[in-house]
Amino acid sequence: MASSLVSSQVDSYRQTVSHSQSRRQFTRILDLWHLASLDAPTVAIVWALAIARSAGVRLEPWIPLLLACGTWTVYVIDRLLDARRAINAHDFATLRERHFFHWRHRHALFPLATCAGVLAAALIIRWMPIATREHDSLIAAAALIYFSGVHAPAQLPRWAFRIASKELLVGILFAAGCAAPALSHLHVGASAWPILPSVLFLASLAWLNCAAINIWETQSTRIRIPTSVATLSFAGLVAAMVLAPDHARVSALLGCGALSSLLLFVLHRMQHRLDPVTLRALADLILLTPVLLLIPGAPHI
């Protein structure tokens, strides 16, 4: 009887250790996914494909590759420039682990980001139609203005960011970049308005995601996350119900977005119980809910 009890306790201990090791391994992978700036390209691809699906558009394989290369290049360069500026100014308090990671591995990340940028340019030249380039050039120009305003020696004046915060500008540019492939592939004469609710919701969700991360890292009180999350979730669910009869795919995407918003509230409540890097990674992981609509074999809406 005693030996049976001891054996049961040993088995229980082994299972606990195995589960703990699995959790640590998952956390390490998740942290690396964030630290290497692979999170933003992943979110961009998932939302671009989901928005295209909601519009009944099929994207060529080179489009997600272009989006991934372009997004990753921008994020790597942005973090390297942030790190260099702070290090030169001895302002280490503004840096986070993702900045230190990029700076430690800059001799590998910068050449890789350069290659990714060159590949993105080659894809545009080889595959993107002239008309699409003209449309997407507006988004590229807006992104360049923002990038220059943040990193150029002569930065944009402070009043410009009082009108629209950095988080809001990032949200708008990110949503526009994710929606651009679907919009450019719509048939002539087709209405783009069913896509607009998804784009507006994604812009709001991306803004709230960036704002929440800023609040967690700086303890700012500019935005009340619970109130903002509740408002966004309610708006997404209401829009999903209104659009469900005639636009089931758009409705499903908005429902996934509302779920992401609710998960952001859960993270906000758990922020003090999670490692800062893991918390930041989870904030992007929860944006991947639309992947449920892309899984092969998922119910066709």
Protein backbone atom coordinates (compact mmCIF):
# COMPACT_ATOMS: atom_id res chain seq x y z
CA MET A 1 0.00 0.00 0.00
CA ALA A 2 2.79 2.39 0.97
CA SER A 3 4.83 1.57 -2.14
CA SER A 4 1.77 2.18 -4.31
CA LEU A 5 1.26 5.59 -2.69
CA VAL A 6 4.92 6.53 -3.17
CA SER A 7 4.78 5.42 -6.82
CA SER A 8 1.66 7.55 -7.36
CA GLN A 9 3.35 10.59 -5.82
CA VAL A 10 6.45 10.06 -7.98
CA ASP A 11 4.33 9.86 -11.14
CA SER A 12 2.47 13.00 -10.12
CA TYR A 13 5.75 14.82 -9.50
CA ARG A 14 7.12 13.74 -12.89
CA GLN A 15 3.98 14.99 -14.64
CA THR A 16 4.23 18.32 -12.80
CA VAL A 17 7.89 18.71 -13.79
CA SER A 18 7.10 17.77 -17.41
CA HIS A 19 4.27 20.31 -17.59
CA SER A 20 6.48 22.97 -16.01
CA GLN A 21 9.26 22.31 -18.53
CA SER A 22 6.75 22.48 -21.39
CA ARG A 23 5.47 25.83 -20.14
CA ARG A 24 9.00 27.20 -19.84
CA GLN A 25 9.84 26.00 -23.36
CA PHE A 26 6.69 27.62 -24.75
CA THR A 27 7.50 30.84 -22.90
CA ARG A 28 11.05 30.89 -24.30
CA ILE A 29 9.76 30.41 -27.85
CA LEU A 30 7.10 33.07 -27.30
CA ASP A 31 9.66 35.53 -25.91
CA LEU A 32 12.04 34.93 -28.83
CA TRP A 33 9.14 35.43 -31.28
CA HIS A 34 8.65 38.87 -29.76
CA LEU A 35 12.28 39.82 -29.17
CA ALA A 36 13.23 39.05 -32.79
CA SER A 37 10.35 41.25 -34.06
CA LEU A 38 8.61 38.29 -35.65
CA ASP A 39 5.34 39.09 -33.89
CA ALA A 40 4.32 42.10 -35.99
CA PRO A 41 4.82 40.33 -39.37
CA THR A 42 2.83 37.35 -38.12
CA VAL A 43 -0.08 39.54 -37.02
CA ALA A 44 0.06 41.48 -40.30
CA ILE A 45 -0.10 38.31 -42.43
CA VAL A 46 -2.98 36.80 -40.44
CA TRP A 47 -5.08 39.96 -40.58
CA ALA A 48 -4.30 40.61 -44.26
CA LEU A 49 -5.40 37.08 -45.17
CA ALA A 50 -8.48 37.32 -42.94
CA ILE A 51 -9.53 40.68 -44.41
CA ALA A 52 -9.02 39.32 -47.93
CA ARG A 53 -11.11 36.27 -47.05
CA SER A 54 -13.89 38.47 -45.67
CA ALA A 55 -13.91 40.33 -49.00
CA GLY A 56 -13.94 37.12 -51.03
CA VAL A 57 -10.45 37.87 -52.42
CA ARG A 58 -7.70 35.31 -52.93
CA LEU A 59 -4.18 36.70 -52.48
CA GLU A 60 -1.21 35.42 -54.46
CA PRO A 61 1.51 33.76 -52.31
CA TRP A 62 4.00 36.58 -52.93
CA ILE A 63 1.74 39.14 -51.20
CA PRO A 64 2.01 37.68 -47.65
CA LEU A 65 5.76 37.28 -48.24
CA LEU A 66 6.01 40.95 -49.26
CA LEU A 67 4.00 42.01 -46.22
CA ALA A 68 6.16 39.91 -43.90
CA CYS A 69 9.46 41.21 -45.32
CA GLY A 70 8.35 44.83 -45.32
CA THR A 71 6.90 44.73 -41.81
CA TRP A 72 9.88 42.90 -40.31
CA THR A 73 12.37 45.27 -41.95
CA VAL A 74 10.57 48.34 -40.58
CA TYR A 75 10.34 46.94 -37.05
CA VAL A 76 14.00 45.83 -36.93
CA ILE A 77 15.31 49.17 -38.21
CA ASP A 78 12.97 51.07 -35.89
CA ARG A 79 14.23 49.21 -32.82
CA LEU A 80 17.87 49.50 -33.84
CA LEU A 81 17.47 53.26 -34.30
CA ASP A 82 15.65 53.56 -30.96
CA ALA A 83 18.46 51.66 -29.25
CA ARG A 84 21.24 53.70 -30.89
CA ARG A 85 19.60 57.02 -30.03
CA ALA A 86 19.06 56.05 -26.39
CA ILE A 87 22.55 54.60 -26.00
CA ASN A 88 24.20 57.68 -27.50
CA ALA A 89 22.15 59.87 -25.14
CA HIS A 90 22.84 57.54 -22.18
CA ASP A 91 19.06 57.32 -21.76
CA PHE A 92 18.89 53.62 -20.92
CA ALA A 93 15.66 53.96 -18.94
CA THR A 94 13.66 54.25 -22.17
CA LEU A 95 14.98 50.96 -23.55
CA ARG A 96 13.26 47.61 -23.14
CA GLU A 97 14.55 44.07 -23.51
CA ARG A 98 13.54 44.02 -27.20
CA HIS A 99 15.82 47.01 -27.84
CA PHE A 100 18.75 45.42 -26.00
CA PHE A 101 18.18 42.17 -27.91
CA HIS A 102 18.32 43.99 -31.24
CA TRP A 103 21.41 45.93 -30.25
CA ARG A 104 23.23 42.80 -29.02
CA HIS A 105 22.45 41.02 -32.30
CA ARG A 106 22.66 44.08 -34.58
CA HIS A 107 25.50 42.58 -36.67
CA ALA A 108 23.14 39.77 -37.69
CA LEU A 109 19.79 41.52 -37.64
CA PHE A 110 20.75 44.55 -39.73
CA PRO A 111 22.09 42.53 -42.71
CA LEU A 112 19.07 40.21 -42.50
CA ALA A 113 16.68 43.18 -42.41
CA THR A 114 18.50 44.69 -45.39
CA CYS A 115 18.09 41.45 -47.33
CA ALA A 116 14.41 41.34 -46.39
CA GLY A 117 13.97 44.91 -47.59
CA VAL A 118 15.70 44.12 -50.89
CA LEU A 119 13.49 41.06 -51.34
CA ALA A 120 10.40 43.19 -50.68
CA ALA A 121 11.53 45.69 -53.31
CA ALA A 122 12.18 42.89 -55.80
CA LEU A 123 8.71 41.45 -55.21
CA ILE A 124 7.15 44.85 -55.84
CA ILE A 125 9.10 45.37 -59.05
CA ARG A 126 8.49 41.85 -60.34
CA TRP A 127 4.90 41.13 -59.35
CA MET A 128 2.98 44.23 -58.23
CA PRO A 129 0.91 45.91 -60.98
CA ILE A 130 1.57 49.59 -61.70
CA ALA A 131 -1.92 50.63 -60.58
CA THR A 132 -1.49 48.85 -57.24
CA ARG A 133 1.88 50.51 -56.71
CA GLU A 134 0.29 53.92 -57.13
CA HIS A 135 -2.38 53.15 -54.54
CA ASP A 136 0.00 51.57 -52.03
CA SER A 137 2.53 54.39 -52.47
CA LEU A 138 0.22 56.60 -50.39
CA ILE A 139 0.51 54.20 -47.44
CA ALA A 140 4.28 53.96 -47.97
CA ALA A 141 4.57 57.76 -48.04
CA ALA A 142 2.55 58.09 -44.81
CA ALA A 143 4.74 55.46 -43.15
CA LEU A 144 7.88 57.25 -44.33
CA ILE A 145 6.64 60.56 -42.93
CA TYR A 146 5.91 58.92 -39.57
CA PHE A 147 9.26 57.10 -39.56
CA SER A 148 11.12 60.30 -40.41
CA GLY A 149 9.18 62.24 -37.80
CA VAL A 150 10.24 59.80 -35.10
CA HIS A 151 13.88 59.14 -36.05
CA ALA A 152 15.10 62.06 -38.19
CA PRO A 153 17.28 64.72 -36.50
CA ALA A 154 14.58 67.31 -37.24
CA GLN A 155 11.60 65.50 -35.77
CA LEU A 156 7.96 66.40 -36.12
CA PRO A 157 6.82 69.04 -33.62
CA ARG A 158 5.20 67.86 -30.39
CA TRP A 159 1.84 69.36 -31.33
CA ALA A 160 1.63 66.88 -34.22
CA PHE A 161 1.59 63.99 -31.78
CA ARG A 162 -0.92 65.78 -29.56
CA ILE A 163 -3.38 65.72 -32.44
CA ALA A 164 -2.72 62.04 -33.08
CA SER A 165 -0.64 59.96 -30.67
CA LYS A 166 2.13 57.68 -31.91
CA GLU A 167 0.03 54.68 -30.92
CA LEU A 168 -2.92 55.90 -33.00
CA LEU A 169 -0.72 56.60 -36.03
CA VAL A 170 0.81 53.11 -35.77
CA GLY A 171 -2.68 51.59 -35.55
CA ILE A 172 -3.91 53.44 -38.63
CA LEU A 173 -0.84 52.63 -40.72
CA PHE A 174 -0.86 48.99 -39.63
CA ALA A 175 -4.54 48.53 -40.50
CA ALA A 176 -4.10 50.29 -43.84
CA GLY A 177 -1.18 48.03 -44.73
CA CYS A 178 -3.15 44.89 -43.85
CA ALA A 179 -6.20 46.01 -45.85
CA ALA A 180 -4.30 47.26 -48.92
CA PRO A 181 -3.88 43.82 -50.60
CA ALA A 182 -7.61 43.03 -50.38
CA LEU A 183 -8.67 46.49 -51.52
CA SER A 184 -6.33 46.42 -54.51
CA HIS A 185 -7.70 43.03 -55.61
CA LEU A 186 -11.38 43.93 -55.55
CA HIS A 187 -13.13 43.53 -58.87
CA VAL A 188 -13.84 46.70 -60.83
CA GLY A 189 -17.08 48.22 -59.60
CA ALA A 190 -17.13 46.12 -56.41
CA SER A 191 -17.97 48.00 -53.24
CA ALA A 192 -15.25 48.24 -50.61
CA TRP A 193 -17.52 49.31 -47.78
CA PRO A 194 -17.99 45.82 -46.23
CA ILE A 195 -14.23 45.78 -45.61
CA LEU A 196 -14.22 49.15 -43.89
CA PRO A 197 -15.69 47.95 -40.54
CA SER A 198 -12.89 45.39 -40.27
CA VAL A 199 -10.24 47.99 -41.12
CA LEU A 200 -11.61 50.50 -38.62
CA PHE A 201 -11.81 47.83 -35.94
CA LEU A 202 -8.25 46.64 -36.62
CA ALA A 203 -6.94 50.22 -36.45
CA SER A 204 -8.69 50.67 -33.08
CA LEU A 205 -7.46 47.30 -31.81
CA ALA A 206 -3.87 47.98 -32.89
CA TRP A 207 -4.01 51.43 -31.27
CA LEU A 208 -5.37 49.97 -28.04
CA ASN A 209 -2.73 47.23 -28.11
CA CYS A 210 0.09 49.79 -28.45
CA ALA A 211 -1.49 52.04 -25.81
CA ALA A 212 -1.81 49.17 -23.34
CA ILE A 213 1.84 48.18 -23.85
CA ASN A 214 2.92 51.78 -23.31
CA ILE A 215 0.87 51.96 -20.10
CA TRP A 216 2.31 48.68 -18.79
CA GLU A 217 5.87 49.81 -19.48
CA THR A 218 5.61 53.43 -18.31
CA GLN A 219 2.75 53.22 -15.78
CA SER A 220 1.06 56.03 -17.67
CA THR A 221 -2.58 56.83 -16.93
CA ARG A 222 -3.42 58.58 -20.21
CA ILE A 223 -5.95 55.92 -21.20
CA ARG A 224 -8.25 53.79 -19.06
CA ILE A 225 -7.71 50.35 -20.57
CA PRO A 226 -10.77 48.60 -19.03
CA THR A 227 -13.14 51.29 -20.32
CA SER A 228 -11.53 51.39 -23.76
CA VAL A 229 -11.53 47.60 -24.07
CA ALA A 230 -15.17 47.36 -23.02
CA THR A 231 -16.16 50.02 -25.55
CA LEU A 232 -14.23 48.40 -28.40
CA SER A 233 -15.48 44.90 -27.59
CA PHE A 234 -19.09 46.07 -27.41
CA ALA A 235 -18.75 47.96 -30.70
CA GLY A 236 -17.21 44.92 -32.39
CA LEU A 237 -19.90 42.54 -31.17
CA VAL A 238 -22.72 44.89 -32.15
CA ALA A 239 -21.24 45.41 -35.61
CA ALA A 240 -20.79 41.63 -35.97
CA MET A 241 -24.45 41.01 -35.15
CA VAL A 242 -25.66 43.75 -37.50
CA LEU A 243 -23.55 42.48 -40.41
CA ALA A 244 -24.15 38.76 -39.80
CA PRO A 245 -27.22 38.34 -42.07
CA ASP A 246 -25.65 39.83 -45.21
CA HIS A 247 -21.89 39.74 -44.53
CA ALA A 248 -21.18 36.61 -42.52
CA ARG A 249 -17.42 36.62 -43.18
CA VAL A 250 -16.98 40.22 -42.07
CA SER A 251 -19.12 39.43 -39.03
CA ALA A 252 -16.90 36.47 -38.13
CA LEU A 253 -13.76 38.59 -38.44
CA LEU A 254 -15.22 41.28 -36.20
CA GLY A 255 -16.14 38.59 -33.69
CA CYS A 256 -12.52 37.40 -33.66
CA GLY A 257 -11.38 40.98 -33.17
CA ALA A 258 -13.76 41.44 -30.25
CA LEU A 259 -12.30 38.28 -28.68
CA SER A 260 -8.80 39.78 -29.01
CA SER A 261 -10.01 42.91 -27.28
CA LEU A 262 -11.45 40.90 -24.38
CA LEU A 263 -8.20 38.93 -24.07
CA LEU A 264 -6.33 42.24 -23.86
CA PHE A 265 -8.46 43.08 -20.82
CA VAL A 266 -7.44 39.75 -19.23
CA LEU A 267 -3.77 40.56 -19.84
CA HIS A 268 -4.26 44.01 -18.33
CA ARG A 269 -5.59 42.44 -15.15
CA MET A 270 -2.69 39.94 -15.05
CA GLN A 271 0.09 42.38 -15.95
CA HIS A 272 1.78 42.29 -12.53
CA ARG A 273 1.89 38.47 -12.49
CA LEU A 274 3.69 38.08 -15.81
CA ASP A 275 7.26 38.69 -16.89
CA PRO A 276 7.40 41.97 -18.89
CA VAL A 277 8.77 40.27 -22.03
CA THR A 278 6.15 37.50 -21.88
CA LEU A 279 3.41 40.05 -21.26
CA ARG A 280 4.51 42.04 -24.30
CA ALA A 281 4.63 38.89 -26.42
CA LEU A 282 1.19 37.77 -25.27
CA ALA A 283 -0.21 41.19 -26.19
CA ASP A 284 0.63 40.42 -29.82
CA LEU A 285 -0.25 36.73 -29.60
CA ILE A 286 -3.87 37.52 -28.72
CA LEU A 287 -4.17 39.50 -31.97
CA LEU A 288 -3.94 36.24 -33.90
CA THR A 289 -7.56 35.18 -33.22
CA PRO A 290 -8.50 35.57 -36.95
CA VAL A 291 -6.27 32.55 -37.64
CA LEU A 292 -9.32 30.52 -36.53
CA LEU A 293 -10.97 31.58 -39.80
CA LEU A 294 -7.96 30.48 -41.87
CA ILE A 295 -7.46 26.96 -40.54
CA PRO A 296 -7.97 24.34 -43.28
CA GLY A 297 -11.15 22.47 -42.62
CA ALA A 298 -12.72 25.29 -40.62
CA PRO A 299 -16.44 25.87 -41.31
CA HIS A 300 -16.82 27.79 -44.57
CA ILE A 301 -18.76 31.00 -44.05
